[in-house]
Amino acid sequence: QVMLVESGGGTVQTGGSLRLSCAVAGRTLSINSMAWFRQAPGKERESVAVMNWSGDYTWYEDFAKGRFTISRDNAKNTVYLQMNSLNPEDTAVYYCAASVRATYEFWGQGTQVTVSS
């Protein structure tokens, strides 16, 4: 079992930055990869960024490239999503997810990010 708790969401103005955190607990040695997803009102959930558990591979959706950075603090068992140059289209609930045996079978509760114009 893997438990995930996101934090760091909030309201920021266009052009601002936020850093989301995902605290990871449980059978962390069994994790293959971590990811951030988001879901905006009335839209389907979409992936944002992926990182393997060792941290030496990352992948980003096109909208996130150059603005968002996924990273991990091994000592704290925490995965981060640094988001810069935010715009109103980034407004969504952001979720972190962990992949162990299947594709992202463990999810956090989500954290709201609101970008005002």
N, C-alpha and C. Protein backbone atom coordinates (compact mmCIF):
# COMPACT_ATOMS: atom_id res chain seq x y z
N GLN A 1 0.85 -1.19 0.00
CA GLN A 1 0.00 0.00 0.00
C GLN A 1 0.88 1.24 0.00
N VAL A 2 0.46 2.23 -0.77
CA VAL A 2 1.17 3.50 -0.84
C VAL A 2 0.15 4.61 -0.53
N MET A 3 0.54 5.52 0.35
CA MET A 3 -0.32 6.64 0.70
C MET A 3 0.29 7.92 0.19
N LEU A 4 -0.54 8.78 -0.39
CA LEU A 4 -0.09 10.04 -0.97
C LEU A 4 -0.92 11.19 -0.42
N VAL A 5 -0.25 12.27 -0.02
CA VAL A 5 -0.95 13.45 0.48
C VAL A 5 -0.36 14.68 -0.20
N GLU A 6 -1.19 15.37 -0.99
CA GLU A 6 -0.75 16.58 -1.66
C GLU A 6 -0.97 17.80 -0.79
N SER A 7 -0.16 18.82 -1.03
CA SER A 7 -0.32 20.11 -0.38
C SER A 7 0.32 21.18 -1.26
N GLY A 8 0.09 22.43 -0.90
CA GLY A 8 0.75 23.51 -1.60
C GLY A 8 -0.12 24.26 -2.59
N GLY A 9 -1.35 23.80 -2.79
CA GLY A 9 -2.22 24.51 -3.71
C GLY A 9 -2.65 25.85 -3.13
N GLY A 10 -3.29 26.65 -3.96
CA GLY A 10 -3.76 27.94 -3.52
C GLY A 10 -4.15 28.80 -4.70
N THR A 11 -4.29 30.09 -4.43
CA THR A 11 -4.65 31.06 -5.46
C THR A 11 -3.46 31.96 -5.74
N VAL A 12 -3.17 32.13 -7.01
CA VAL A 12 -2.04 32.95 -7.41
C VAL A 12 -2.44 33.75 -8.64
N GLN A 13 -1.83 34.89 -8.84
CA GLN A 13 -2.12 35.70 -10.02
C GLN A 13 -1.36 35.18 -11.24
N THR A 14 -1.86 35.55 -12.40
CA THR A 14 -1.19 35.18 -13.65
C THR A 14 0.28 35.58 -13.60
N GLY A 15 1.12 34.65 -14.01
CA GLY A 15 2.56 34.87 -13.98
C GLY A 15 3.24 34.42 -12.71
N GLY A 16 2.44 34.06 -11.72
CA GLY A 16 2.98 33.65 -10.44
C GLY A 16 3.46 32.21 -10.43
N SER A 17 3.91 31.78 -9.26
CA SER A 17 4.46 30.43 -9.09
C SER A 17 3.85 29.75 -7.87
N LEU A 18 3.82 28.43 -7.93
CA LEU A 18 3.43 27.61 -6.79
C LEU A 18 4.28 26.36 -6.80
N ARG A 19 4.52 25.81 -5.61
CA ARG A 19 5.19 24.52 -5.53
C ARG A 19 4.26 23.55 -4.80
N LEU A 20 3.86 22.52 -5.51
CA LEU A 20 3.03 21.47 -4.93
C LEU A 20 3.92 20.39 -4.34
N SER A 21 3.47 19.83 -3.23
CA SER A 21 4.19 18.74 -2.58
C SER A 21 3.31 17.51 -2.51
N CYS A 22 3.93 16.35 -2.60
CA CYS A 22 3.22 15.08 -2.46
C CYS A 22 4.03 14.22 -1.50
N ALA A 23 3.53 14.09 -0.28
CA ALA A 23 4.19 13.25 0.71
C ALA A 23 3.84 11.79 0.46
N VAL A 24 4.87 10.96 0.37
CA VAL A 24 4.69 9.55 0.01
C VAL A 24 5.00 8.68 1.22
N ALA A 25 4.11 7.77 1.56
CA ALA A 25 4.32 6.87 2.69
C ALA A 25 3.89 5.46 2.31
N GLY A 26 4.36 4.49 3.10
CA GLY A 26 4.00 3.10 2.85
C GLY A 26 5.12 2.36 2.15
N ARG A 27 4.76 1.49 1.22
CA ARG A 27 5.74 0.64 0.53
C ARG A 27 6.42 1.40 -0.60
N THR A 28 7.21 2.38 -0.22
CA THR A 28 7.83 3.26 -1.22
C THR A 28 8.83 2.51 -2.09
N LEU A 29 9.46 1.46 -1.56
CA LEU A 29 10.45 0.72 -2.36
C LEU A 29 9.82 -0.01 -3.53
N SER A 30 8.50 -0.17 -3.49
CA SER A 30 7.80 -0.87 -4.57
C SER A 30 7.35 0.07 -5.70
N ILE A 31 7.57 1.37 -5.52
CA ILE A 31 7.09 2.35 -6.50
C ILE A 31 8.00 2.35 -7.73
N ASN A 32 7.40 2.33 -8.91
CA ASN A 32 8.15 2.43 -10.16
C ASN A 32 8.26 3.88 -10.63
N SER A 33 7.15 4.59 -10.58
CA SER A 33 7.17 5.97 -11.02
C SER A 33 6.10 6.77 -10.30
N MET A 34 6.29 8.09 -10.34
CA MET A 34 5.35 9.04 -9.77
C MET A 34 4.92 9.99 -10.87
N ALA A 35 3.73 10.53 -10.71
CA ALA A 35 3.24 11.46 -11.72
C ALA A 35 2.35 12.51 -11.07
N TRP A 36 2.24 13.61 -11.75
CA TRP A 36 1.25 14.64 -11.41
C TRP A 36 0.23 14.68 -12.55
N PHE A 37 -1.03 14.75 -12.14
CA PHE A 37 -2.14 14.91 -13.07
C PHE A 37 -2.93 16.14 -12.64
N ARG A 38 -3.81 16.59 -13.51
CA ARG A 38 -4.70 17.67 -13.13
C ARG A 38 -6.05 17.49 -13.81
N GLN A 39 -7.07 18.08 -13.19
CA GLN A 39 -8.40 18.04 -13.77
C GLN A 39 -9.06 19.39 -13.56
N ALA A 40 -9.36 20.05 -14.67
CA ALA A 40 -10.05 21.34 -14.63
C ALA A 40 -11.56 21.10 -14.67
N PRO A 41 -12.33 22.06 -14.19
CA PRO A 41 -13.80 21.90 -14.19
C PRO A 41 -14.33 21.62 -15.58
N GLY A 42 -15.13 20.58 -15.71
CA GLY A 42 -15.74 20.24 -16.98
C GLY A 42 -14.81 19.58 -17.98
N LYS A 43 -13.59 19.28 -17.57
CA LYS A 43 -12.62 18.66 -18.47
C LYS A 43 -12.16 17.32 -17.92
N GLU A 44 -11.60 16.51 -18.82
CA GLU A 44 -11.05 15.23 -18.40
C GLU A 44 -9.72 15.44 -17.69
N ARG A 45 -9.39 14.47 -16.84
CA ARG A 45 -8.10 14.51 -16.17
C ARG A 45 -6.99 14.34 -17.21
N GLU A 46 -5.91 15.08 -17.02
CA GLU A 46 -4.79 14.99 -17.94
C GLU A 46 -3.48 14.88 -17.18
N SER A 47 -2.52 14.25 -17.79
CA SER A 47 -1.22 14.13 -17.17
C SER A 47 -0.48 15.45 -17.27
N VAL A 48 0.43 15.66 -16.34
CA VAL A 48 1.24 16.88 -16.32
C VAL A 48 2.72 16.52 -16.44
N ALA A 49 3.19 15.66 -15.54
CA ALA A 49 4.60 15.30 -15.51
C ALA A 49 4.77 13.94 -14.87
N VAL A 50 5.82 13.25 -15.27
CA VAL A 50 6.13 11.92 -14.77
C VAL A 50 7.60 11.86 -14.38
N MET A 51 7.88 11.09 -13.34
CA MET A 51 9.27 10.88 -12.94
C MET A 51 9.41 9.45 -12.44
N ASN A 52 10.46 8.75 -12.85
CA ASN A 52 10.66 7.43 -12.27
C ASN A 52 11.15 7.58 -10.83
N TRP A 53 11.02 6.54 -10.04
CA TRP A 53 11.27 6.66 -8.61
C TRP A 53 12.73 7.00 -8.31
N SER A 54 13.64 6.56 -9.16
CA SER A 54 15.04 6.91 -8.93
C SER A 54 15.32 8.36 -9.26
N GLY A 55 14.43 8.98 -10.01
CA GLY A 55 14.58 10.40 -10.30
C GLY A 55 15.44 10.74 -11.50
N ASP A 56 15.89 9.72 -12.25
CA ASP A 56 16.78 10.02 -13.37
C ASP A 56 16.05 10.08 -14.70
N TYR A 57 14.74 10.00 -14.67
CA TYR A 57 13.94 10.15 -15.89
C TYR A 57 12.73 11.01 -15.58
N THR A 58 12.51 11.99 -16.42
CA THR A 58 11.31 12.82 -16.29
C THR A 58 10.68 13.03 -17.67
N TRP A 59 9.39 13.30 -17.64
CA TRP A 59 8.64 13.53 -18.89
C TRP A 59 7.58 14.58 -18.58
N TYR A 60 7.32 15.45 -19.55
CA TYR A 60 6.35 16.51 -19.35
C TYR A 60 5.40 16.61 -20.54
N GLU A 61 4.15 16.94 -20.24
CA GLU A 61 3.23 17.31 -21.30
C GLU A 61 3.74 18.62 -21.93
N ASP A 62 3.33 18.85 -23.17
CA ASP A 62 3.82 20.02 -23.88
C ASP A 62 3.53 21.32 -23.12
N PHE A 63 2.35 21.41 -22.51
CA PHE A 63 2.00 22.67 -21.84
C PHE A 63 2.85 22.90 -20.60
N ALA A 64 3.46 21.85 -20.08
CA ALA A 64 4.26 21.97 -18.86
C ALA A 64 5.74 22.20 -19.14
N LYS A 65 6.17 21.88 -20.34
CA LYS A 65 7.60 22.00 -20.66
C LYS A 65 8.08 23.44 -20.53
N GLY A 66 9.17 23.61 -19.83
CA GLY A 66 9.74 24.94 -19.64
C GLY A 66 9.13 25.75 -18.52
N ARG A 67 7.98 25.29 -18.00
CA ARG A 67 7.32 26.03 -16.91
C ARG A 67 7.25 25.21 -15.63
N PHE A 68 7.06 23.91 -15.74
CA PHE A 68 6.88 23.05 -14.58
C PHE A 68 8.10 22.14 -14.42
N THR A 69 8.41 21.80 -13.18
CA THR A 69 9.51 20.88 -12.90
C THR A 69 9.08 19.88 -11.83
N ILE A 70 9.20 18.60 -12.16
CA ILE A 70 8.92 17.55 -11.17
C ILE A 70 10.24 17.13 -10.54
N SER A 71 10.23 16.94 -9.24
CA SER A 71 11.45 16.56 -8.55
C SER A 71 11.10 15.77 -7.29
N ARG A 72 12.14 15.23 -6.64
CA ARG A 72 11.90 14.40 -5.47
C ARG A 72 12.97 14.67 -4.43
N ASP A 73 12.56 14.73 -3.17
CA ASP A 73 13.48 14.81 -2.05
C ASP A 73 13.50 13.43 -1.40
N ASN A 74 14.60 12.71 -1.60
CA ASN A 74 14.67 11.34 -1.10
C ASN A 74 14.54 11.27 0.42
N ALA A 75 15.19 12.20 1.10
CA ALA A 75 15.19 12.17 2.56
C ALA A 75 13.80 12.38 3.13
N LYS A 76 12.99 13.15 2.43
CA LYS A 76 11.64 13.46 2.92
C LYS A 76 10.57 12.60 2.28
N ASN A 77 10.96 11.73 1.33
CA ASN A 77 9.97 10.94 0.58
C ASN A 77 8.86 11.83 0.06
N THR A 78 9.25 12.91 -0.54
CA THR A 78 8.30 13.89 -1.06
C THR A 78 8.62 14.18 -2.52
N VAL A 79 7.58 14.24 -3.31
CA VAL A 79 7.69 14.60 -4.72
C VAL A 79 7.10 15.99 -4.89
N TYR A 80 7.74 16.81 -5.69
CA TYR A 80 7.32 18.18 -5.86
C TYR A 80 6.93 18.46 -7.31
N LEU A 81 6.11 19.48 -7.47
CA LEU A 81 5.84 20.03 -8.79
C LEU A 81 5.98 21.54 -8.67
N GLN A 82 7.09 22.04 -9.17
CA GLN A 82 7.31 23.49 -9.20
C GLN A 82 6.65 24.03 -10.44
N MET A 83 5.76 24.99 -10.27
CA MET A 83 5.01 25.55 -11.40
C MET A 83 5.28 27.05 -11.49
N ASN A 84 5.81 27.48 -12.61
CA ASN A 84 6.13 28.88 -12.84
C ASN A 84 5.31 29.41 -14.02
N SER A 85 5.25 30.72 -14.13
CA SER A 85 4.55 31.38 -15.23
C SER A 85 3.14 30.84 -15.38
N LEU A 86 2.44 30.77 -14.28
CA LEU A 86 1.09 30.21 -14.30
C LEU A 86 0.12 31.13 -15.01
N ASN A 87 -0.87 30.53 -15.66
CA ASN A 87 -1.91 31.29 -16.33
C ASN A 87 -3.26 30.66 -15.97
N PRO A 88 -4.36 31.37 -16.25
CA PRO A 88 -5.68 30.86 -15.84
C PRO A 88 -6.00 29.46 -16.36
N GLU A 89 -5.40 29.06 -17.49
CA GLU A 89 -5.65 27.72 -18.03
C GLU A 89 -5.04 26.62 -17.16
N ASP A 90 -4.19 27.00 -16.23
CA ASP A 90 -3.60 26.03 -15.30
C ASP A 90 -4.50 25.77 -14.09
N THR A 91 -5.60 26.50 -13.98
CA THR A 91 -6.52 26.29 -12.88
C THR A 91 -7.11 24.89 -12.94
N ALA A 92 -6.94 24.14 -11.85
CA ALA A 92 -7.39 22.75 -11.81
C ALA A 92 -7.13 22.18 -10.43
N VAL A 93 -7.66 21.00 -10.19
CA VAL A 93 -7.26 20.20 -9.04
C VAL A 93 -6.09 19.34 -9.49
N TYR A 94 -5.00 19.42 -8.76
CA TYR A 94 -3.79 18.69 -9.10
C TYR A 94 -3.66 17.47 -8.18
N TYR A 95 -3.37 16.33 -8.79
CA TYR A 95 -3.23 15.07 -8.07
C TYR A 95 -1.85 14.48 -8.30
N CYS A 96 -1.30 13.86 -7.28
CA CYS A 96 -0.13 13.03 -7.50
C CYS A 96 -0.56 11.57 -7.48
N ALA A 97 0.19 10.76 -8.19
CA ALA A 97 -0.15 9.34 -8.31
C ALA A 97 1.12 8.51 -8.33
N ALA A 98 1.00 7.28 -7.86
CA ALA A 98 2.13 6.36 -7.82
C ALA A 98 1.80 5.09 -8.57
N SER A 99 2.79 4.61 -9.31
CA SER A 99 2.64 3.37 -10.06
C SER A 99 3.48 2.29 -9.41
N VAL A 100 2.85 1.18 -9.05
CA VAL A 100 3.56 0.05 -8.46
C VAL A 100 3.45 -1.15 -9.40
N ARG A 101 2.32 -1.85 -9.39
CA ARG A 101 2.13 -3.00 -10.29
C ARG A 101 1.37 -2.61 -11.54
N ALA A 102 0.55 -1.59 -11.44
CA ALA A 102 -0.26 -1.16 -12.58
C ALA A 102 0.01 0.31 -12.84
N THR A 103 -0.71 0.86 -13.76
CA THR A 103 -0.49 2.25 -14.11
C THR A 103 -1.22 3.16 -13.13
N TYR A 104 -0.45 3.73 -12.21
CA TYR A 104 -0.94 4.73 -11.26
C TYR A 104 -2.19 4.25 -10.52
N GLU A 105 -2.00 3.23 -9.72
CA GLU A 105 -3.12 2.71 -8.95
C GLU A 105 -3.31 3.40 -7.60
N PHE A 106 -2.35 4.24 -7.20
CA PHE A 106 -2.47 4.97 -5.94
C PHE A 106 -2.54 6.46 -6.21
N TRP A 107 -3.50 7.13 -5.55
CA TRP A 107 -3.75 8.54 -5.79
C TRP A 107 -3.90 9.30 -4.50
N GLY A 108 -3.51 10.57 -4.53
CA GLY A 108 -3.78 11.46 -3.42
C GLY A 108 -5.16 12.06 -3.54
N GLN A 109 -5.49 12.92 -2.59
CA GLN A 109 -6.83 13.51 -2.56
C GLN A 109 -6.95 14.74 -3.44
N GLY A 110 -5.83 15.27 -3.88
CA GLY A 110 -5.84 16.44 -4.76
C GLY A 110 -5.67 17.74 -4.00
N THR A 111 -5.16 18.73 -4.70
CA THR A 111 -5.00 20.07 -4.14
C THR A 111 -5.41 21.08 -5.21
N GLN A 112 -6.20 22.08 -4.81
CA GLN A 112 -6.74 23.04 -5.78
C GLN A 112 -5.73 24.13 -6.10
N VAL A 113 -5.56 24.38 -7.38
CA VAL A 113 -4.74 25.49 -7.85
C VAL A 113 -5.65 26.42 -8.65
N THR A 114 -5.69 27.68 -8.26
CA THR A 114 -6.50 28.67 -8.96
C THR A 114 -5.60 29.82 -9.37
N VAL A 115 -5.63 30.14 -10.67
CA VAL A 115 -4.83 31.22 -11.20
C VAL A 115 -5.78 32.32 -11.66
N SER A 116 -5.66 33.48 -11.07
CA SER A 116 -6.56 34.59 -11.40
C SER A 116 -5.91 35.48 -12.45
N SER A 117 -6.76 36.04 -13.29
CA SER A 117 -6.25 36.91 -14.37
C SER A 117 -6.17 38.36 -13.92
